[in-house]
Amino acid sequence: MFVALTDAGDVDETLRAVLIDVLGLPRERVNAFNDKSPLFGALPEFDSMAVAGLLTELEERLGIVIEDDEVDADMLENYGALLTFAKAKALR
């Protein structure tokens, strides 16, 4: 369900919703994430299988295309890095 995003706050909200839905994390936990909150490798729910689901859901909800060569460990390391990536893609 793609919704036109108008600002960085929309992207942040969408990313948090995707993390809740795809990883099954509690809303309170995800709402407490800050830029330095570790993701891949730190959350047991966020394994290599979950990465594909997360990226697919981000594409759908943000109306973006994520190329394979854009995905790396740095982008998934923490919430801030993933949010920066999502904003760069969605707010072009």
PDB file of N, CA and C in Angstrom:
ATOM      1  N   MET A   1       0.836  -1.162   0.000  1.00  0.00           N
ATOM      2  CA  MET A   1       0.000   0.000   0.000  1.00  0.00           C
ATOM      3  C   MET A   1       0.892   1.239   0.000  1.00  0.00           C
ATOM      4  N   PHE A   2       1.199   1.766  -1.162  1.00  0.00           N
ATOM      5  CA  PHE A   2       2.050   2.939  -1.310  1.00  0.00           C
ATOM      6  C   PHE A   2       1.263   4.202  -1.024  1.00  0.00           C
ATOM      7  N   VAL A   3       1.831   5.047  -0.183  1.00  0.00           N
ATOM      8  CA  VAL A   3       1.251   6.345   0.125  1.00  0.00           C
ATOM      9  C   VAL A   3       2.319   7.382  -0.167  1.00  0.00           C
ATOM     10  N   ALA A   4       1.965   8.433  -0.886  1.00  0.00           N
ATOM     11  CA  ALA A   4       2.939   9.476  -1.208  1.00  0.00           C
ATOM     12  C   ALA A   4       3.486  10.088   0.075  1.00  0.00           C
ATOM     13  N   LEU A   5       4.795  10.127   0.164  1.00  0.00           N
ATOM     14  CA  LEU A   5       5.443  10.674   1.342  1.00  0.00           C
ATOM     15  C   LEU A   5       5.886  12.098   1.056  1.00  0.00           C
ATOM     16  N   THR A   6       5.668  12.957   2.030  1.00  0.00           N
ATOM     17  CA  THR A   6       5.985  14.359   1.804  1.00  0.00           C
ATOM     18  C   THR A   6       7.170  14.850   2.614  1.00  0.00           C
ATOM     19  N   ASP A   7       7.541  14.141   3.667  1.00  0.00           N
ATOM     20  CA  ASP A   7       8.675  14.609   4.453  1.00  0.00           C
ATOM     21  C   ASP A   7       9.365  13.464   5.185  1.00  0.00           C
ATOM     22  N   ALA A   8      10.471  13.802   5.826  1.00  0.00           N
ATOM     23  CA  ALA A   8      11.284  12.815   6.521  1.00  0.00           C
ATOM     24  C   ALA A   8      10.506  12.128   7.649  1.00  0.00           C
ATOM     25  N   GLY A   9       9.587  12.840   8.281  1.00  0.00           N
ATOM     26  CA  GLY A   9       8.782  12.246   9.347  1.00  0.00           C
ATOM     27  C   GLY A   9       7.916  11.111   8.842  1.00  0.00           C
ATOM     28  N   ASP A  10       7.395  11.266   7.618  1.00  0.00           N
ATOM     29  CA  ASP A  10       6.600  10.193   7.010  1.00  0.00           C
ATOM     30  C   ASP A  10       7.451   8.946   6.788  1.00  0.00           C
ATOM     31  N   VAL A  11       8.676   9.148   6.329  1.00  0.00           N
ATOM     32  CA  VAL A  11       9.575   8.019   6.071  1.00  0.00           C
ATOM     33  C   VAL A  11       9.915   7.331   7.383  1.00  0.00           C
ATOM     34  N   ASP A  12      10.197   8.114   8.416  1.00  0.00           N
ATOM     35  CA  ASP A  12      10.501   7.556   9.737  1.00  0.00           C
ATOM     36  C   ASP A  12       9.333   6.717  10.247  1.00  0.00           C
ATOM     37  N   GLU A  13       8.133   7.255  10.164  1.00  0.00           N
ATOM     38  CA  GLU A  13       6.927   6.526  10.597  1.00  0.00           C
ATOM     39  C   GLU A  13       6.754   5.225   9.822  1.00  0.00           C
ATOM     40  N   THR A  14       6.957   5.293   8.522  1.00  0.00           N
ATOM     41  CA  THR A  14       6.801   4.113   7.669  1.00  0.00           C
ATOM     42  C   THR A  14       7.845   3.060   8.012  1.00  0.00           C
ATOM     43  N   LEU A  15       9.086   3.473   8.195  1.00  0.00           N
ATOM     44  CA  LEU A  15      10.147   2.529   8.540  1.00  0.00           C
ATOM     45  C   LEU A  15       9.849   1.847   9.867  1.00  0.00           C
ATOM     46  N   ARG A  16       9.404   2.613  10.834  1.00  0.00           N
ATOM     47  CA  ARG A  16       9.073   2.015  12.138  1.00  0.00           C
ATOM     48  C   ARG A  16       7.922   1.004  11.993  1.00  0.00           C
ATOM     49  N   ALA A  17       6.922   1.335  11.194  1.00  0.00           N
ATOM     50  CA  ALA A  17       5.797   0.415  10.974  1.00  0.00           C
ATOM     51  C   ALA A  17       6.262  -0.875  10.299  1.00  0.00           C
ATOM     52  N   VAL A  18       7.182  -0.751   9.359  1.00  0.00           N
ATOM     53  CA  VAL A  18       7.713  -1.939   8.673  1.00  0.00           C
ATOM     54  C   VAL A  18       8.479  -2.813   9.653  1.00  0.00           C
ATOM     55  N   LEU A  19       9.286  -2.221  10.503  1.00  0.00           N
ATOM     56  CA  LEU A  19      10.028  -3.009  11.498  1.00  0.00           C
ATOM     57  C   LEU A  19       9.076  -3.733  12.444  1.00  0.00           C
ATOM     58  N   ILE A  20       8.015  -3.075  12.840  1.00  0.00           N
ATOM     59  CA  ILE A  20       7.020  -3.701  13.717  1.00  0.00           C
ATOM     60  C   ILE A  20       6.345  -4.868  12.995  1.00  0.00           C
ATOM     61  N   ASP A  21       5.908  -4.626  11.769  1.00  0.00           N
ATOM     62  CA  ASP A  21       5.153  -5.632  11.022  1.00  0.00           C
ATOM     63  C   ASP A  21       6.010  -6.804  10.562  1.00  0.00           C
ATOM     64  N   VAL A  22       7.176  -6.525  10.014  1.00  0.00           N
ATOM     65  CA  VAL A  22       8.007  -7.588   9.439  1.00  0.00           C
ATOM     66  C   VAL A  22       8.749  -8.377  10.516  1.00  0.00           C
ATOM     67  N   LEU A  23       9.289  -7.682  11.507  1.00  0.00           N
ATOM     68  CA  LEU A  23      10.068  -8.366  12.534  1.00  0.00           C
ATOM     69  C   LEU A  23       9.240  -8.797  13.735  1.00  0.00           C
ATOM     70  N   GLY A  24       8.008  -8.293  13.815  1.00  0.00           N
ATOM     71  CA  GLY A  24       7.153  -8.649  14.944  1.00  0.00           C
ATOM     72  C   GLY A  24       7.622  -8.045  16.258  1.00  0.00           C
ATOM     73  N   LEU A  25       8.292  -6.904  16.171  1.00  0.00           N
ATOM     74  CA  LEU A  25       8.777  -6.235  17.379  1.00  0.00           C
ATOM     75  C   LEU A  25       7.657  -5.428  18.021  1.00  0.00           C
ATOM     76  N   PRO A  26       7.689  -5.293  19.338  1.00  0.00           N
ATOM     77  CA  PRO A  26       6.680  -4.471  20.005  1.00  0.00           C
ATOM     78  C   PRO A  26       6.808  -2.999  19.598  1.00  0.00           C
ATOM     79  N   ARG A  27       5.679  -2.344  19.416  1.00  0.00           N
ATOM     80  CA  ARG A  27       5.644  -0.937  19.009  1.00  0.00           C
ATOM     81  C   ARG A  27       6.463  -0.061  19.963  1.00  0.00           C
ATOM     82  N   GLU A  28       6.348  -0.308  21.265  1.00  0.00           N
ATOM     83  CA  GLU A  28       7.067   0.502  22.246  1.00  0.00           C
ATOM     84  C   GLU A  28       8.570   0.402  22.045  1.00  0.00           C
ATOM     85  N   ARG A  29       9.037  -0.797  21.733  1.00  0.00           N
ATOM     86  CA  ARG A  29      10.475  -0.998  21.519  1.00  0.00           C
ATOM     87  C   ARG A  29      10.947  -0.243  20.281  1.00  0.00           C
ATOM     88  N   VAL A  30      10.201  -0.362  19.191  1.00  0.00           N
ATOM     89  CA  VAL A  30      10.584   0.301  17.942  1.00  0.00           C
ATOM     90  C   VAL A  30      10.474   1.819  18.084  1.00  0.00           C
ATOM     91  N   ASN A  31       9.466   2.293  18.770  1.00  0.00           N
ATOM     92  CA  ASN A  31       9.316   3.737  18.972  1.00  0.00           C
ATOM     93  C   ASN A  31      10.480   4.324  19.779  1.00  0.00           C
ATOM     94  N   ALA A  32      11.152   3.492  20.565  1.00  0.00           N
ATOM     95  CA  ALA A  32      12.296   3.950  21.362  1.00  0.00           C
ATOM     96  C   ALA A  32      13.604   3.948  20.560  1.00  0.00           C
ATOM     97  N   PHE A  33      13.609   3.402  19.356  1.00  0.00           N
ATOM     98  CA  PHE A  33      14.827   3.391  18.543  1.00  0.00           C
ATOM     99  C   PHE A  33      15.284   4.810  18.253  1.00  0.00           C
ATOM    100  N   ASN A  34      16.603   5.010  18.320  1.00  0.00           N
ATOM    101  CA  ASN A  34      17.195   6.272  17.893  1.00  0.00           C
ATOM    102  C   ASN A  34      18.213   5.958  16.791  1.00  0.00           C
ATOM    103  N   ASP A  35      18.906   6.969  16.311  1.00  0.00           N
ATOM    104  CA  ASP A  35      19.827   6.773  15.196  1.00  0.00           C
ATOM    105  C   ASP A  35      20.887   5.712  15.459  1.00  0.00           C
ATOM    106  N   LYS A  36      21.281   5.540  16.691  1.00  0.00           N
ATOM    107  CA  LYS A  36      22.350   4.600  17.025  1.00  0.00           C
ATOM    108  C   LYS A  36      21.846   3.213  17.434  1.00  0.00           C
ATOM    109  N   SER A  37      20.544   3.008  17.459  1.00  0.00           N
ATOM    110  CA  SER A  37      19.995   1.703  17.849  1.00  0.00           C
ATOM    111  C   SER A  37      20.449   0.639  16.859  1.00  0.00           C
ATOM    112  N   PRO A  38      21.162  -0.383  17.345  1.00  0.00           N
ATOM    113  CA  PRO A  38      21.674  -1.421  16.447  1.00  0.00           C
ATOM    114  C   PRO A  38      20.542  -2.294  15.906  1.00  0.00           C
ATOM    115  N   LEU A  39      20.697  -2.719  14.653  1.00  0.00           N
ATOM    116  CA  LEU A  39      19.678  -3.556  14.019  1.00  0.00           C
ATOM    117  C   LEU A  39      20.269  -4.916  13.644  1.00  0.00           C
ATOM    118  N   PHE A  40      20.723  -5.031  12.405  1.00  0.00           N
ATOM    119  CA  PHE A  40      21.192  -6.328  11.899  1.00  0.00           C
ATOM    120  C   PHE A  40      22.375  -6.826  12.731  1.00  0.00           C
ATOM    121  N   GLY A  41      22.246  -8.042  13.220  1.00  0.00           N
ATOM    122  CA  GLY A  41      23.286  -8.620  14.059  1.00  0.00           C
ATOM    123  C   GLY A  41      23.043  -8.395  15.539  1.00  0.00           C
ATOM    124  N   ALA A  42      22.183  -7.436  15.872  1.00  0.00           N
ATOM    125  CA  ALA A  42      21.895  -7.140  17.279  1.00  0.00           C
ATOM    126  C   ALA A  42      20.500  -7.619  17.678  1.00  0.00           C
ATOM    127  N   LEU A  43      19.583  -7.642  16.722  1.00  0.00           N
ATOM    128  CA  LEU A  43      18.222  -8.116  16.984  1.00  0.00           C
ATOM    129  C   LEU A  43      18.081  -9.534  16.449  1.00  0.00           C
ATOM    130  N   PRO A  44      17.778 -10.493  17.295  1.00  0.00           N
ATOM    131  CA  PRO A  44      17.636 -11.874  16.816  1.00  0.00           C
ATOM    132  C   PRO A  44      16.562 -12.006  15.734  1.00  0.00           C
ATOM    133  N   GLU A  45      15.546 -11.147  15.797  1.00  0.00           N
ATOM    134  CA  GLU A  45      14.467 -11.202  14.802  1.00  0.00           C
ATOM    135  C   GLU A  45      14.935 -10.723  13.427  1.00  0.00           C
ATOM    136  N   PHE A  46      16.004  -9.942  13.387  1.00  0.00           N
ATOM    137  CA  PHE A  46      16.479  -9.330  12.143  1.00  0.00           C
ATOM    138  C   PHE A  46      17.649 -10.138  11.597  1.00  0.00           C
ATOM    139  N   ASP A  47      17.314 -11.306  11.052  1.00  0.00           N
ATOM    140  CA  ASP A  47      18.327 -12.175  10.465  1.00  0.00           C
ATOM    141  C   ASP A  47      18.321 -12.015   8.946  1.00  0.00           C
ATOM    142  N   SER A  48      19.125 -12.802   8.266  1.00  0.00           N
ATOM    143  CA  SER A  48      19.248 -12.658   6.809  1.00  0.00           C
ATOM    144  C   SER A  48      17.930 -12.924   6.088  1.00  0.00           C
ATOM    145  N   MET A  49      17.113 -13.791   6.626  1.00  0.00           N
ATOM    146  CA  MET A  49      15.812 -14.062   6.005  1.00  0.00           C
ATOM    147  C   MET A  49      14.886 -12.847   6.154  1.00  0.00           C
ATOM    148  N   ALA A  50      14.970 -12.182   7.275  1.00  0.00           N
ATOM    149  CA  ALA A  50      14.113 -11.021   7.526  1.00  0.00           C
ATOM    150  C   ALA A  50      14.516  -9.823   6.673  1.00  0.00           C
ATOM    151  N   VAL A  51      15.786  -9.755   6.274  1.00  0.00           N
ATOM    152  CA  VAL A  51      16.256  -8.637   5.451  1.00  0.00           C
ATOM    153  C   VAL A  51      15.453  -8.558   4.163  1.00  0.00           C
ATOM    154  N   ALA A  52      15.279  -9.695   3.495  1.00  0.00           N
ATOM    155  CA  ALA A  52      14.538  -9.705   2.225  1.00  0.00           C
ATOM    156  C   ALA A  52      13.109  -9.212   2.423  1.00  0.00           C
ATOM    157  N   GLY A  53      12.453  -9.677   3.463  1.00  0.00           N
ATOM    158  CA  GLY A  53      11.086  -9.239   3.742  1.00  0.00           C
ATOM    159  C   GLY A  53      11.018  -7.763   4.064  1.00  0.00           C
ATOM    160  N   LEU A  54      11.981  -7.287   4.829  1.00  0.00           N
ATOM    161  CA  LEU A  54      12.022  -5.875   5.192  1.00  0.00           C
ATOM    162  C   LEU A  54      12.209  -5.002   3.951  1.00  0.00           C
ATOM    163  N   LEU A  55      13.145  -5.373   3.094  1.00  0.00           N
ATOM    164  CA  LEU A  55      13.414  -4.568   1.896  1.00  0.00           C
ATOM    165  C   LEU A  55      12.222  -4.578   0.945  1.00  0.00           C
ATOM    166  N   THR A  56      11.595  -5.727   0.789  1.00  0.00           N
ATOM    167  CA  THR A  56      10.417  -5.825  -0.076  1.00  0.00           C
ATOM    168  C   THR A  56       9.289  -4.945   0.454  1.00  0.00           C
ATOM    169  N   GLU A  57       9.082  -4.977   1.742  1.00  0.00           N
ATOM    170  CA  GLU A  57       8.020  -4.176   2.352  1.00  0.00           C
ATOM    171  C   GLU A  57       8.329  -2.683   2.253  1.00  0.00           C
ATOM    172  N   LEU A  58       9.594  -2.311   2.408  1.00  0.00           N
ATOM    173  CA  LEU A  58       9.977  -0.905   2.241  1.00  0.00           C
ATOM    174  C   LEU A  58       9.716  -0.448   0.808  1.00  0.00           C
ATOM    175  N   GLU A  59      10.056  -1.289  -0.156  1.00  0.00           N
ATOM    176  CA  GLU A  59       9.794  -0.942  -1.553  1.00  0.00           C
ATOM    177  C   GLU A  59       8.313  -0.681  -1.778  1.00  0.00           C
ATOM    178  N   GLU A  60       7.495  -1.575  -1.254  1.00  0.00           N
ATOM    179  CA  GLU A  60       6.050  -1.454  -1.450  1.00  0.00           C
ATOM    180  C   GLU A  60       5.474  -0.215  -0.768  1.00  0.00           C
ATOM    181  N   ARG A  61       5.833  -0.021   0.481  1.00  0.00           N
ATOM    182  CA  ARG A  61       5.230   1.076   1.242  1.00  0.00           C
ATOM    183  C   ARG A  61       5.788   2.453   0.886  1.00  0.00           C
ATOM    184  N   LEU A  62       7.054   2.490   0.468  1.00  0.00           N
ATOM    185  CA  LEU A  62       7.660   3.775   0.126  1.00  0.00           C
ATOM    186  C   LEU A  62       7.601   4.076  -1.370  1.00  0.00           C
ATOM    187  N   GLY A  63       7.189   3.084  -2.164  1.00  0.00           N
ATOM    188  CA  GLY A  63       7.119   3.288  -3.601  1.00  0.00           C
ATOM    189  C   GLY A  63       8.488   3.462  -4.224  1.00  0.00           C
ATOM    190  N   ILE A  64       9.449   2.668  -3.763  1.00  0.00           N
ATOM    191  CA  ILE A  64      10.827   2.768  -4.236  1.00  0.00           C
ATOM    192  C   ILE A  64      11.284   1.436  -4.821  1.00  0.00           C
ATOM    193  N   VAL A  65      12.432   1.460  -5.459  1.00  0.00           N
ATOM    194  CA  VAL A  65      13.089   0.245  -5.930  1.00  0.00           C
ATOM    195  C   VAL A  65      14.459   0.205  -5.276  1.00  0.00           C
ATOM    196  N   ILE A  66      14.771  -0.897  -4.625  1.00  0.00           N
ATOM    197  CA  ILE A  66      16.070  -1.079  -3.984  1.00  0.00           C
ATOM    198  C   ILE A  66      16.845  -2.099  -4.800  1.00  0.00           C
ATOM    199  N   GLU A  67      17.936  -1.662  -5.384  1.00  0.00           N
ATOM    200  CA  GLU A  67      18.783  -2.548  -6.187  1.00  0.00           C
ATOM    201  C   GLU A  67      19.679  -3.362  -5.264  1.00  0.00           C
ATOM    202  N   ASP A  68      20.021  -4.581  -5.717  1.00  0.00           N
ATOM    203  CA  ASP A  68      20.864  -5.464  -4.910  1.00  0.00           C
ATOM    204  C   ASP A  68      22.176  -4.805  -4.501  1.00  0.00           C
ATOM    205  N   ASP A  69      22.770  -4.039  -5.411  1.00  0.00           N
ATOM    206  CA  ASP A  69      24.071  -3.439  -5.110  1.00  0.00           C
ATOM    207  C   ASP A  69      23.977  -2.263  -4.132  1.00  0.00           C
ATOM    208  N   GLU A  70      22.770  -1.861  -3.765  1.00  0.00           N
ATOM    209  CA  GLU A  70      22.587  -0.787  -2.780  1.00  0.00           C
ATOM    210  C   GLU A  70      22.530  -1.323  -1.352  1.00  0.00           C
ATOM    211  N   VAL A  71      22.375  -2.628  -1.221  1.00  0.00           N
ATOM    212  CA  VAL A  71      22.207  -3.247   0.094  1.00  0.00           C
ATOM    213  C   VAL A  71      23.567  -3.704   0.617  1.00  0.00           C
ATOM    214  N   ASP A  72      23.934  -3.210   1.791  1.00  0.00           N
ATOM    215  CA  ASP A  72      25.174  -3.653   2.418  1.00  0.00           C
ATOM    216  C   ASP A  72      25.012  -3.629   3.938  1.00  0.00           C
ATOM    217  N   ALA A  73      26.010  -4.143   4.614  1.00  0.00           N
ATOM    218  CA  ALA A  73      25.946  -4.247   6.076  1.00  0.00           C
ATOM    219  C   ALA A  73      25.859  -2.876   6.741  1.00  0.00           C
ATOM    220  N   ASP A  74      26.535  -1.885   6.177  1.00  0.00           N
ATOM    221  CA  ASP A  74      26.509  -0.547   6.778  1.00  0.00           C
ATOM    222  C   ASP A  74      25.094   0.019   6.809  1.00  0.00           C
ATOM    223  N   MET A  75      24.344  -0.205   5.742  1.00  0.00           N
ATOM    224  CA  MET A  75      22.984   0.310   5.635  1.00  0.00           C
ATOM    225  C   MET A  75      22.057  -0.312   6.689  1.00  0.00           C
ATOM    226  N   LEU A  76      22.346  -1.530   7.085  1.00  0.00           N
ATOM    227  CA  LEU A  76      21.493  -2.268   8.019  1.00  0.00           C
ATOM    228  C   LEU A  76      22.019  -2.253   9.459  1.00  0.00           C
ATOM    229  N   GLU A  77      23.156  -1.607   9.663  1.00  0.00           N
ATOM    230  CA  GLU A  77      23.826  -1.661  10.959  1.00  0.00           C
ATOM    231  C   GLU A  77      23.007  -1.066  12.101  1.00  0.00           C
ATOM    232  N   ASN A  78      22.416   0.105  11.846  1.00  0.00           N
ATOM    233  CA  ASN A  78      21.641   0.747  12.917  1.00  0.00           C
ATOM    234  C   ASN A  78      20.443   1.480  12.309  1.00  0.00           C
ATOM    235  N   TYR A  79      19.566   1.921  13.186  1.00  0.00           N
ATOM    236  CA  TYR A  79      18.341   2.561  12.724  1.00  0.00           C
ATOM    237  C   TYR A  79      18.628   3.823  11.916  1.00  0.00           C
ATOM    238  N   GLY A  80      19.575   4.604  12.352  1.00  0.00           N
ATOM    239  CA  GLY A  80      19.905   5.838  11.652  1.00  0.00           C
ATOM    240  C   GLY A  80      20.371   5.602  10.227  1.00  0.00           C
ATOM    241  N   ALA A  81      21.206   4.599  10.034  1.00  0.00           N
ATOM    242  CA  ALA A  81      21.705   4.292   8.686  1.00  0.00           C
ATOM    243  C   ALA A  81      20.573   3.821   7.782  1.00  0.00           C
ATOM    244  N   LEU A  82      19.696   2.978   8.302  1.00  0.00           N
ATOM    245  CA  LEU A  82      18.573   2.487   7.502  1.00  0.00           C
ATOM    246  C   LEU A  82      17.600   3.623   7.189  1.00  0.00           C
ATOM    247  N   LEU A  83      17.362   4.489   8.139  1.00  0.00           N
ATOM    248  CA  LEU A  83      16.477   5.632   7.922  1.00  0.00           C
ATOM    249  C   LEU A  83      17.071   6.593   6.889  1.00  0.00           C
ATOM    250  N   THR A  84      18.353   6.850   6.973  1.00  0.00           N
ATOM    251  CA  THR A  84      19.020   7.725   6.000  1.00  0.00           C
ATOM    252  C   THR A  84      18.880   7.158   4.596  1.00  0.00           C
ATOM    253  N   PHE A  85      19.086   5.849   4.461  1.00  0.00           N
ATOM    254  CA  PHE A  85      18.928   5.183   3.163  1.00  0.00           C
ATOM    255  C   PHE A  85      17.494   5.334   2.658  1.00  0.00           C
ATOM    256  N   ALA A  86      16.526   5.042   3.522  1.00  0.00           N
ATOM    257  CA  ALA A  86      15.112   5.090   3.127  1.00  0.00           C
ATOM    258  C   ALA A  86      14.716   6.515   2.719  1.00  0.00           C
ATOM    259  N   LYS A  87      15.180   7.509   3.454  1.00  0.00           N
ATOM    260  CA  LYS A  87      14.872   8.901   3.117  1.00  0.00           C
ATOM    261  C   LYS A  87      15.463   9.275   1.751  1.00  0.00           C
ATOM    262  N   ALA A  88      16.707   8.870   1.518  1.00  0.00           N
ATOM    263  CA  ALA A  88      17.363   9.195   0.254  1.00  0.00           C
ATOM    264  C   ALA A  88      16.603   8.593  -0.933  1.00  0.00           C
ATOM    265  N   LYS A  89      16.062   7.407  -0.746  1.00  0.00           N
ATOM    266  CA  LYS A  89      15.316   6.747  -1.819  1.00  0.00           C
ATOM    267  C   LYS A  89      13.922   7.342  -1.999  1.00  0.00           C
ATOM    268  N   ALA A  90      13.256   7.600  -0.895  1.00  0.00           N
ATOM    269  CA  ALA A  90      11.839   7.985  -0.957  1.00  0.00           C
ATOM    270  C   ALA A  90      11.601   9.466  -1.232  1.00  0.00           C
ATOM    271  N   LEU A  91      12.531  10.309  -0.842  1.00  0.00           N
ATOM    272  CA  LEU A  91      12.301  11.752  -0.941  1.00  0.00           C
ATOM    273  C   LEU A  91      13.090  12.389  -2.068  1.00  0.00           C
ATOM    274  N   ARG A  92      13.290  11.664  -3.130  1.00  0.00           N
ATOM    275  CA  ARG A  92      14.029  12.192  -4.294  1.00  0.00           C
ATOM    276  C   ARG A  92      13.242  13.239  -4.999  1.00  0.00           C
TER     277      ARG A  92
END
